[in-house]
N, C-alpha and C. Protein backbone atom coordinates (compact mmCIF):
# COMPACT_ATOMS: atom_id res chain seq x y z
N MET A 1 50.45 58.05 -32.17
CA MET A 1 50.64 57.23 -30.79
C MET A 1 49.68 58.26 -29.94
N GLU A 2 50.02 59.68 -30.03
CA GLU A 2 49.38 60.69 -29.34
C GLU A 2 47.67 60.43 -29.40
N LEU A 3 47.46 59.90 -30.51
CA LEU A 3 45.79 60.01 -30.65
C LEU A 3 45.34 58.66 -30.02
N VAL A 4 45.93 57.60 -30.02
CA VAL A 4 45.66 56.59 -29.17
C VAL A 4 45.54 56.63 -27.70
N ALA A 5 46.70 57.35 -27.05
CA ALA A 5 46.82 57.78 -25.84
C ALA A 5 45.47 58.09 -25.24
N ASP A 6 45.09 59.43 -26.19
CA ASP A 6 43.93 60.45 -26.19
C ASP A 6 42.60 59.47 -25.84
N LEU A 7 42.82 58.78 -26.85
CA LEU A 7 41.38 57.54 -27.04
C LEU A 7 41.48 56.59 -25.70
N ILE A 8 42.65 56.36 -25.34
CA ILE A 8 42.62 55.38 -23.81
C ILE A 8 42.18 56.30 -22.90
N LYS A 9 42.48 57.56 -22.67
CA LYS A 9 42.02 58.52 -21.66
C LYS A 9 40.86 58.57 -21.71
N VAL A 10 40.13 58.67 -22.98
CA VAL A 10 38.87 58.95 -22.55
C VAL A 10 37.92 57.38 -22.68
N LEU A 11 38.41 56.33 -23.40
CA LEU A 11 37.43 55.24 -23.46
C LEU A 11 37.60 54.56 -22.05
N LEU A 12 38.76 54.44 -21.55
CA LEU A 12 38.66 53.90 -19.99
C LEU A 12 38.09 54.55 -19.17
N PRO A 13 37.81 55.66 -18.84
CA PRO A 13 36.85 56.09 -17.75
C PRO A 13 35.30 56.08 -18.35
N ALA A 14 35.03 56.24 -19.36
CA ALA A 14 33.88 55.69 -19.79
C ALA A 14 33.35 53.98 -19.77
N ALA A 15 34.50 53.19 -20.02
CA ALA A 15 34.16 51.83 -20.05
C ALA A 15 34.26 51.60 -18.45
N LEU A 16 34.77 52.12 -17.46
CA LEU A 16 34.82 52.10 -16.11
C LEU A 16 33.28 52.54 -15.72
N VAL A 17 32.96 53.81 -16.12
CA VAL A 17 31.65 54.46 -15.68
C VAL A 17 30.42 53.26 -16.26
N LEU A 18 30.53 52.87 -17.19
CA LEU A 18 29.54 51.78 -17.99
C LEU A 18 29.62 50.39 -17.03
N TRP A 19 30.52 50.04 -16.72
CA TRP A 19 30.60 48.87 -15.84
C TRP A 19 30.14 49.04 -14.46
N ALA A 20 30.40 50.32 -13.94
CA ALA A 20 29.91 50.51 -12.59
C ALA A 20 28.37 51.02 -12.55
N MET A 21 27.68 51.14 -13.86
CA MET A 21 26.28 51.36 -14.08
C MET A 21 25.75 50.20 -14.16
N TYR A 22 26.32 49.18 -14.91
CA TYR A 22 25.87 47.97 -15.13
C TYR A 22 25.89 47.26 -13.75
N LEU A 23 26.82 47.03 -13.14
CA LEU A 23 26.78 46.42 -11.58
C LEU A 23 25.68 46.94 -11.15
N THR A 24 25.43 48.43 -10.98
CA THR A 24 24.58 49.11 -10.03
C THR A 24 23.19 48.66 -10.35
N VAL A 25 22.95 48.76 -11.65
CA VAL A 25 21.53 48.41 -12.40
C VAL A 25 21.18 46.96 -12.29
N SER A 26 22.16 46.10 -12.07
CA SER A 26 22.08 44.41 -12.04
C SER A 26 21.73 44.18 -10.57
N SER A 27 22.68 44.87 -10.14
CA SER A 27 22.48 44.70 -8.22
C SER A 27 20.83 44.95 -7.92
N PHE A 28 20.44 46.12 -8.44
CA PHE A 28 19.24 47.12 -8.11
C PHE A 28 18.13 46.00 -8.51
N LEU A 29 18.14 45.43 -9.76
CA LEU A 29 17.37 44.35 -10.30
C LEU A 29 17.20 43.16 -9.59
N LYS A 30 18.29 42.64 -9.37
CA LYS A 30 18.34 41.06 -8.45
C LYS A 30 17.82 41.70 -7.04
N LYS A 31 17.82 42.90 -6.23
CA LYS A 31 16.94 43.17 -5.22
C LYS A 31 15.62 43.24 -5.41
N GLU A 32 15.11 43.89 -6.48
CA GLU A 32 13.91 43.78 -6.92
C GLU A 32 13.09 42.76 -7.29
N LEU A 33 13.74 41.96 -7.65
CA LEU A 33 13.33 40.41 -8.23
C LEU A 33 13.36 39.52 -6.85
N VAL A 34 14.31 39.63 -5.90
CA VAL A 34 14.31 38.87 -4.51
C VAL A 34 13.12 39.28 -3.92
N GLN A 35 12.94 40.66 -3.81
CA GLN A 35 11.84 41.34 -3.20
C GLN A 35 10.29 40.72 -3.66
N LYS A 36 10.06 40.51 -4.86
CA LYS A 36 8.79 40.15 -5.30
C LYS A 36 8.73 38.74 -5.09
N GLU A 37 9.77 38.23 -5.14
CA GLU A 37 9.84 36.54 -4.60
C GLU A 37 9.30 36.60 -3.34
N LEU A 38 9.66 37.47 -2.53
CA LEU A 38 9.39 37.22 -0.89
C LEU A 38 7.67 37.68 -0.85
N ASN A 39 7.47 38.81 -1.47
CA ASN A 39 6.04 39.22 -1.72
C ASN A 39 5.07 38.06 -1.94
N ILE A 40 5.52 37.37 -2.78
CA ILE A 40 4.52 36.33 -3.68
C ILE A 40 4.66 35.48 -2.64
N LYS A 41 5.89 34.86 -1.87
CA LYS A 41 5.90 34.06 -1.09
C LYS A 41 4.84 34.29 0.41
N ALA A 42 4.80 35.63 0.65
CA ALA A 42 3.94 35.81 1.80
C ALA A 42 2.64 35.87 1.35
N GLU A 43 2.33 36.11 -0.04
CA GLU A 43 1.18 36.33 0.03
C GLU A 43 0.29 34.76 -0.09
N THR A 44 1.23 33.98 -0.45
CA THR A 44 0.87 32.83 -0.83
C THR A 44 0.58 31.86 0.48
N ALA A 45 1.56 32.43 1.19
CA ALA A 45 1.44 31.92 2.91
C ALA A 45 0.10 32.29 3.57
N LYS A 46 -0.42 33.39 3.21
CA LYS A 46 -1.26 33.94 4.14
C LYS A 46 -2.97 33.28 3.22
N THR A 47 -2.68 32.95 2.08
CA THR A 47 -3.65 32.14 1.33
C THR A 47 -3.30 30.68 1.98
N ILE A 48 -2.49 30.07 1.72
CA ILE A 48 -2.41 28.66 2.27
C ILE A 48 -2.62 28.12 3.98
N LEU A 49 -2.00 29.30 4.43
CA LEU A 49 -1.85 28.90 6.31
C LEU A 49 -3.37 28.44 6.47
N PRO A 50 -4.35 29.45 6.00
CA PRO A 50 -5.57 29.07 6.66
C PRO A 50 -6.39 27.70 6.05
N ILE A 51 -6.08 27.42 4.99
CA ILE A 51 -6.59 25.98 4.21
C ILE A 51 -5.71 25.04 5.00
N ARG A 52 -4.56 25.46 5.18
CA ARG A 52 -3.76 24.10 5.94
C ARG A 52 -4.16 23.66 7.51
N LEU A 53 -4.32 24.78 8.05
CA LEU A 53 -5.27 25.06 9.37
C LEU A 53 -6.49 23.91 9.55
N GLN A 54 -7.55 24.59 8.51
CA GLN A 54 -8.49 23.83 8.01
C GLN A 54 -8.54 22.60 8.32
N ALA A 55 -7.32 21.75 7.26
CA ALA A 55 -7.24 20.67 6.73
C ALA A 55 -6.87 19.69 8.05
N TYR A 56 -6.31 20.14 9.09
CA TYR A 56 -5.67 19.71 10.37
C TYR A 56 -7.08 19.81 11.13
N GLU A 57 -7.81 20.87 11.33
CA GLU A 57 -8.91 20.43 11.76
C GLU A 57 -10.07 19.50 11.43
N ARG A 58 -10.15 19.44 9.85
CA ARG A 58 -11.03 18.56 9.40
C ARG A 58 -10.39 16.90 9.71
N MET A 59 -9.00 16.69 9.62
CA MET A 59 -8.90 15.19 10.17
C MET A 59 -8.98 15.22 11.54
N ALA A 60 -8.58 16.31 12.53
CA ALA A 60 -8.95 15.91 13.67
C ALA A 60 -10.37 15.54 14.19
N LEU A 61 -11.19 16.28 13.15
CA LEU A 61 -12.64 15.96 13.24
C LEU A 61 -13.17 14.21 12.89
N PHE A 62 -12.36 14.15 11.62
CA PHE A 62 -12.30 12.86 11.18
C PHE A 62 -12.13 11.97 12.19
N LEU A 63 -10.89 11.97 12.76
CA LEU A 63 -10.44 11.00 13.64
C LEU A 63 -11.48 10.85 15.17
N GLU A 64 -12.04 12.09 15.56
CA GLU A 64 -13.32 11.86 16.46
C GLU A 64 -14.17 11.10 16.24
N ARG A 65 -14.72 11.57 14.62
CA ARG A 65 -16.13 10.68 14.32
C ARG A 65 -16.05 9.45 14.36
N ILE A 66 -14.87 8.52 13.74
CA ILE A 66 -14.50 7.26 13.68
C ILE A 66 -13.86 6.54 14.75
N SER A 67 -13.54 7.23 15.99
CA SER A 67 -13.43 6.61 16.90
C SER A 67 -14.26 5.64 17.43
N PRO A 68 -13.76 4.79 18.18
CA PRO A 68 -15.05 3.60 18.40
C PRO A 68 -16.20 3.94 19.23
N ASN A 69 -15.71 4.72 20.09
CA ASN A 69 -16.96 5.36 21.42
C ASN A 69 -17.85 6.06 20.39
N ASN A 70 -17.26 7.10 19.55
CA ASN A 70 -18.55 8.28 18.78
C ASN A 70 -18.93 7.33 17.74
N LEU A 71 -18.27 6.27 17.27
CA LEU A 71 -18.94 5.83 15.70
C LEU A 71 -20.06 4.80 16.86
N LEU A 72 -19.94 4.26 17.91
CA LEU A 72 -20.92 3.49 18.48
C LEU A 72 -22.11 4.04 18.92
N ILE A 73 -21.95 5.21 19.35
CA ILE A 73 -22.92 6.24 19.90
C ILE A 73 -23.70 7.12 18.44
N ARG A 74 -23.13 7.08 17.84
CA ARG A 74 -23.76 8.00 16.57
C ARG A 74 -24.63 6.80 15.75
N LEU A 75 -24.13 5.84 15.66
CA LEU A 75 -24.78 4.83 14.64
C LEU A 75 -25.71 4.05 15.41
N SER A 76 -25.60 3.96 16.70
CA SER A 76 -26.53 2.86 17.46
C SER A 76 -27.97 3.04 17.06
N GLY A 77 -28.59 1.84 17.11
CA GLY A 77 -30.27 2.02 16.75
C GLY A 77 -30.69 1.93 15.47
N ARG A 78 -29.64 2.09 14.59
CA ARG A 78 -30.22 2.30 13.12
C ARG A 78 -30.41 1.07 12.63
N VAL A 79 -29.83 -0.06 13.02
CA VAL A 79 -29.97 -1.17 12.23
C VAL A 79 -29.94 -2.33 13.45
N ASP A 80 -30.63 -3.43 13.15
CA ASP A 80 -31.04 -4.48 14.38
C ASP A 80 -29.99 -5.66 14.44
N THR A 81 -29.44 -6.24 13.45
CA THR A 81 -28.47 -7.12 13.30
C THR A 81 -26.87 -6.72 13.33
N VAL A 82 -26.19 -7.70 13.97
CA VAL A 82 -24.58 -7.40 13.98
C VAL A 82 -24.17 -7.44 12.61
N ALA A 83 -24.67 -8.01 11.39
CA ALA A 83 -23.92 -8.01 10.24
C ALA A 83 -24.48 -6.59 9.61
N GLY A 84 -25.41 -6.15 10.13
CA GLY A 84 -26.25 -4.69 9.64
C GLY A 84 -25.22 -3.68 10.11
N PHE A 85 -24.92 -3.88 11.28
CA PHE A 85 -24.47 -2.69 12.11
C PHE A 85 -22.85 -2.72 11.67
N GLN A 86 -22.24 -3.77 11.21
CA GLN A 86 -20.84 -3.92 11.24
C GLN A 86 -20.67 -3.24 9.56
N GLN A 87 -21.54 -3.56 9.02
CA GLN A 87 -21.58 -2.90 7.48
C GLN A 87 -21.87 -1.19 7.65
N LEU A 88 -22.69 -1.04 8.63
CA LEU A 88 -22.87 0.64 8.53
C LEU A 88 -22.14 1.16 9.01
N MET A 89 -21.17 0.66 10.04
CA MET A 89 -19.88 1.28 10.55
C MET A 89 -18.88 1.27 9.71
N LEU A 90 -18.75 0.31 8.78
CA LEU A 90 -17.81 0.17 7.88
C LEU A 90 -17.92 1.35 6.62
N ALA A 91 -19.16 1.39 6.46
CA ALA A 91 -19.50 2.28 5.54
C ALA A 91 -19.32 3.85 6.02
N GLU A 92 -19.88 3.80 6.78
CA GLU A 92 -19.52 5.51 7.42
C GLU A 92 -17.92 6.00 7.71
N ILE A 93 -17.37 5.07 7.99
CA ILE A 93 -15.50 5.10 8.15
C ILE A 93 -15.19 5.46 6.45
N ARG A 94 -15.37 4.83 5.89
CA ARG A 94 -15.40 5.11 4.12
C ARG A 94 -15.87 5.95 3.79
N GLU A 95 -17.15 6.54 3.93
CA GLU A 95 -17.62 7.81 3.50
C GLU A 95 -16.84 8.99 4.24
N GLU A 96 -16.47 8.73 5.51
CA GLU A 96 -15.98 10.16 6.01
C GLU A 96 -14.53 10.18 5.57
N PHE A 97 -13.91 8.92 5.23
CA PHE A 97 -12.45 9.20 4.75
C PHE A 97 -12.53 9.63 3.34
N SER A 98 -13.38 9.44 2.58
CA SER A 98 -13.48 9.72 0.86
C SER A 98 -13.81 11.14 1.17
N HIS A 99 -14.69 11.55 2.19
CA HIS A 99 -15.07 13.01 2.34
C HIS A 99 -13.80 13.94 2.72
N ASN A 100 -12.95 13.47 3.05
CA ASN A 100 -11.63 14.08 3.81
C ASN A 100 -10.28 13.67 2.86
N LEU A 101 -10.64 12.86 1.83
CA LEU A 101 -9.22 12.30 1.30
C LEU A 101 -8.25 13.55 0.70
N ALA A 102 -9.07 14.77 0.08
CA ALA A 102 -8.06 15.61 -0.66
C ALA A 102 -7.44 16.54 0.56
N GLN A 103 -7.81 16.31 1.72
CA GLN A 103 -6.93 16.93 2.87
C GLN A 103 -5.20 16.65 3.06
N GLN A 104 -5.27 15.60 2.47
CA GLN A 104 -3.89 14.67 2.48
C GLN A 104 -2.69 15.90 1.81
N VAL A 105 -3.10 16.66 0.62
CA VAL A 105 -2.33 17.50 0.31
C VAL A 105 -1.77 18.49 1.16
N TYR A 106 -2.74 18.78 2.14
CA TYR A 106 -2.08 19.90 3.16
C TYR A 106 -1.32 19.69 4.32
N LEU A 107 -1.65 18.07 4.55
CA LEU A 107 -0.61 17.47 5.77
C LEU A 107 0.48 16.74 5.26
N SER A 108 0.97 16.52 6.34
CA SER A 108 2.73 15.95 6.12
C SER A 108 2.23 14.54 5.85
N ASP A 109 3.31 13.81 4.94
CA ASP A 109 3.07 12.43 4.62
C ASP A 109 3.07 11.53 6.19
N GLU A 110 3.95 11.87 6.91
CA GLU A 110 3.55 11.03 8.27
C GLU A 110 2.28 11.26 9.06
N ALA A 111 1.99 12.64 8.98
CA ALA A 111 0.63 12.70 9.55
C ALA A 111 -0.61 11.85 8.86
N TRP A 112 -0.40 11.91 7.59
CA TRP A 112 -1.36 11.28 6.68
C TRP A 112 -1.37 9.80 6.96
N LEU A 113 -0.12 9.37 7.16
CA LEU A 113 0.04 7.74 7.44
C LEU A 113 -0.67 7.39 8.62
N ASN A 114 -0.11 8.35 9.58
CA ASN A 114 -0.79 7.97 10.95
C ASN A 114 -2.73 7.64 11.17
N ILE A 115 -3.20 8.76 9.99
CA ILE A 115 -4.51 8.72 10.04
C ILE A 115 -5.17 7.70 9.32
N LYS A 116 -4.41 7.11 8.25
CA LYS A 116 -4.68 5.97 7.67
C LYS A 116 -4.43 4.88 8.53
N ASN A 117 -3.62 4.68 9.15
CA ASN A 117 -3.36 3.70 10.27
C ASN A 117 -4.27 3.32 10.91
N ALA A 118 -4.57 4.69 11.93
CA ALA A 118 -5.74 4.56 12.68
C ALA A 118 -7.26 4.27 12.09
N MET A 119 -7.38 4.79 10.89
CA MET A 119 -8.56 4.11 10.17
C MET A 119 -8.57 2.79 9.97
N ASN A 120 -7.46 2.35 9.68
CA ASN A 120 -7.45 0.79 9.21
C ASN A 120 -7.29 -0.02 10.81
N GLU A 121 -7.08 0.77 11.65
CA GLU A 121 -6.86 -0.24 12.71
C GLU A 121 -8.30 -0.45 13.32
N ILE A 122 -9.02 0.56 13.13
CA ILE A 122 -10.67 0.53 13.92
C ILE A 122 -11.25 -0.25 12.50
N VAL A 123 -10.94 -0.48 11.63
CA VAL A 123 -11.79 -1.05 10.65
C VAL A 123 -11.41 -2.57 10.84
N ALA A 124 -10.30 -2.97 11.07
CA ALA A 124 -9.71 -4.17 11.93
C ALA A 124 -10.47 -4.69 13.00
N LEU A 125 -10.46 -3.25 14.14
CA LEU A 125 -11.03 -3.79 15.80
C LEU A 125 -12.64 -4.19 15.30
N ILE A 126 -13.44 -3.35 14.34
CA ILE A 126 -14.69 -3.84 14.18
C ILE A 126 -15.00 -5.21 13.49
N ASN A 127 -13.69 -5.66 12.71
CA ASN A 127 -14.14 -6.94 11.70
C ASN A 127 -13.69 -8.00 12.86
N LEU A 128 -12.82 -7.85 13.53
CA LEU A 128 -12.26 -8.53 14.73
C LEU A 128 -13.58 -8.89 15.82
N SER A 129 -13.95 -7.88 16.16
CA SER A 129 -15.21 -7.85 16.86
C SER A 129 -16.33 -8.53 16.45
N ALA A 130 -16.77 -8.34 15.08
CA ALA A 130 -18.03 -9.15 15.08
C ALA A 130 -17.60 -10.75 14.17
N LYS A 131 -16.38 -10.93 14.10
CA LYS A 131 -15.85 -12.37 13.76
C LYS A 131 -16.62 -13.39 14.51
N ASP A 132 -16.49 -13.42 15.62
CA ASP A 132 -16.95 -14.13 16.61
C ASP A 132 -18.46 -14.49 17.19
N ILE A 133 -19.02 -13.10 16.51
CA ILE A 133 -20.82 -12.91 16.61
C ILE A 133 -21.44 -13.35 15.69
N ASP A 134 -22.49 -14.25 16.05
CA ASP A 134 -23.68 -14.50 15.32
C ASP A 134 -24.40 -13.30 14.21
N PRO A 135 -24.12 -13.12 13.02
CA PRO A 135 -24.51 -12.07 12.41
C PRO A 135 -25.57 -11.95 12.51
N ASN A 136 -26.63 -12.64 13.13
CA ASN A 136 -28.02 -12.27 12.92
C ASN A 136 -28.37 -11.96 14.69
N ALA A 137 -27.43 -11.97 15.21
CA ALA A 137 -27.64 -11.26 16.81
C ALA A 137 -27.81 -9.96 16.56
N PRO A 138 -28.53 -9.46 18.12
CA PRO A 138 -28.94 -7.91 18.06
C PRO A 138 -27.37 -7.19 17.82
N SER A 139 -27.53 -5.58 17.24
CA SER A 139 -26.47 -4.97 17.08
C SER A 139 -26.01 -4.49 18.09
N LEU A 140 -26.58 -4.45 19.07
CA LEU A 140 -26.05 -4.27 20.72
C LEU A 140 -24.90 -5.16 20.97
N GLU A 141 -24.92 -6.43 20.55
CA GLU A 141 -23.85 -7.36 20.84
C GLU A 141 -22.60 -6.84 20.63
N LEU A 142 -22.53 -6.62 19.12
CA LEU A 142 -21.42 -5.72 18.80
C LEU A 142 -20.97 -4.66 19.33
N SER A 143 -21.93 -3.93 19.69
CA SER A 143 -21.15 -2.75 20.13
C SER A 143 -20.38 -3.05 21.60
N LYS A 144 -21.16 -4.22 22.25
CA LYS A 144 -20.42 -4.60 23.91
C LYS A 144 -19.10 -5.08 23.44
N ARG A 145 -19.29 -5.88 22.25
CA ARG A 145 -18.08 -6.65 22.12
C ARG A 145 -16.87 -5.57 21.48
N ILE A 146 -17.18 -4.48 20.84
CA ILE A 146 -16.25 -3.61 20.49
C ILE A 146 -15.55 -2.94 21.77
N LEU A 147 -16.57 -2.51 22.43
CA LEU A 147 -15.91 -1.75 24.17
C LEU A 147 -15.36 -2.94 24.82
N GLU A 148 -15.42 -4.07 24.72
CA GLU A 148 -14.87 -4.85 25.41
C GLU A 148 -13.46 -4.99 25.10
N VAL A 149 -13.32 -5.24 23.84
CA VAL A 149 -11.86 -5.35 23.26
C VAL A 149 -11.18 -4.08 23.18
N VAL A 150 -11.66 -2.78 23.26
CA VAL A 150 -10.91 -1.52 23.39
C VAL A 150 -10.40 -1.69 24.73
N LEU A 151 -11.34 -2.01 25.76
CA LEU A 151 -10.75 -1.94 27.28
C LEU A 151 -10.06 -2.94 27.37
N SER A 152 -10.15 -4.05 27.11
CA SER A 152 -9.24 -5.09 27.40
C SER A 152 -7.59 -5.24 26.63
N LYS A 153 -7.78 -4.44 25.61
CA LYS A 153 -6.62 -4.32 24.83
C LYS A 153 -6.14 -3.04 25.26
N ASN A 154 -6.76 -2.02 25.50
CA ASN A 154 -6.17 -0.60 26.05
C ASN A 154 -5.72 -0.07 24.78
N ILE A 155 -6.53 -0.01 23.56
CA ILE A 155 -6.33 0.54 22.38
C ILE A 155 -6.99 1.69 22.21
N ALA A 156 -6.48 2.64 21.42
CA ALA A 156 -7.16 3.98 20.86
C ALA A 156 -6.32 4.24 19.80
N PRO A 157 -6.62 3.85 18.76
CA PRO A 157 -5.65 4.26 17.34
C PRO A 157 -6.26 5.85 16.89
N SER A 158 -7.26 6.05 16.97
CA SER A 158 -7.65 7.36 16.65
C SER A 158 -7.03 8.24 17.49
N ASP A 159 -7.21 8.20 18.78
CA ASP A 159 -6.51 8.73 19.83
C ASP A 159 -4.89 9.14 19.81
N ASP A 160 -4.10 8.26 19.27
CA ASP A 160 -2.90 8.25 19.00
C ASP A 160 -2.43 8.78 17.94
N ALA A 161 -3.21 8.85 16.73
CA ALA A 161 -3.31 9.89 15.41
C ALA A 161 -3.74 11.11 16.03
N LEU A 162 -4.80 11.27 16.83
CA LEU A 162 -5.06 12.51 17.07
C LEU A 162 -3.88 13.41 17.73
N LYS A 163 -3.08 12.81 18.74
CA LYS A 163 -2.25 13.22 19.29
C LYS A 163 -1.04 14.03 18.32
N PHE A 164 -0.67 12.78 17.75
CA PHE A 164 0.43 13.07 16.41
C PHE A 164 -0.04 14.37 15.70
N LEU A 165 -1.24 14.66 15.13
CA LEU A 165 -1.74 15.57 14.41
C LEU A 165 -1.99 17.01 15.30
N LYS A 166 -2.01 17.00 16.45
CA LYS A 166 -2.06 17.89 16.98
C LYS A 166 -0.72 18.59 17.68
N GLN A 167 0.27 17.70 17.69
CA GLN A 167 1.68 17.78 18.30
C GLN A 167 2.47 18.57 16.81
N GLU A 168 1.85 17.86 15.49
CA GLU A 168 2.42 18.35 14.58
C GLU A 168 1.81 19.81 14.05
N MET A 169 0.67 19.88 14.41
CA MET A 169 0.41 21.46 14.06
C MET A 169 0.70 22.40 14.80
N ARG A 170 0.86 22.15 16.27
CA ARG A 170 1.85 22.99 17.17
C ARG A 170 3.00 23.15 16.91
N ASN A 171 3.57 22.30 16.23
CA ASN A 171 5.22 22.36 15.74
C ASN A 171 5.22 23.40 14.39
N ASN A 172 4.26 23.21 13.59
CA ASN A 172 4.48 23.74 12.00
C ASN A 172 3.63 24.94 12.39
N PHE A 173 2.53 25.64 13.37
CA PHE A 173 2.10 26.75 13.09
C PHE A 173 1.84 27.72 14.56
N MET A 174 2.58 27.31 15.48
CA MET A 174 2.54 27.81 16.49
C MET A 174 3.72 28.45 17.20
C-alpha cells in the first residue's frame, strides 16, 4: 500500500508536468500556425491587390473605349457604308470584350454584370440605330443617328457602369 502511495506521489506530479508541457507546446504550435497563415495571406494580398487594381483600370478603359462617343470618333472614316460601319463597331466591341474577358476573375459579380449589361446596351443601341437606315447610306448617317438616340433618350450605359466600377473600387481599396 505504501508502494502505491509512493508511486502516486511520483506519477501524479509527473503527469501534471507532462500535461502542462503538452498544453504549452500545443498552444505555441497553434500560434505559430496562425502567424504563418497570416503571413501567407499578407503576401498573397501584396500580389493580388495590384492585379485587382489593374483589372478595375482595364475595365474602366474598356468602358471608355466602347462608349458611343469614343467609339464613333475612333472608328469614323474607316468604312463608307452604314452596314460596314455597324459591323466594324460591333467587331471592335467584341474584340475589346474578348481582350478583357479574363479580368472578370478579379471583379465582383455585380461589377462584371454591370459591364456586360453596358456592352449589351451599346450593341443594342448600334443595332437599333442602324435598323432604320439604308445599309448602303454613308457611314456618317449611322454616326448621326446614334448620337441622336443617345441625346434623345439620355442614355449612357458605359457611364453608369463606369460609375459603379469606380464606386466599388473606392469601397474595396481606399
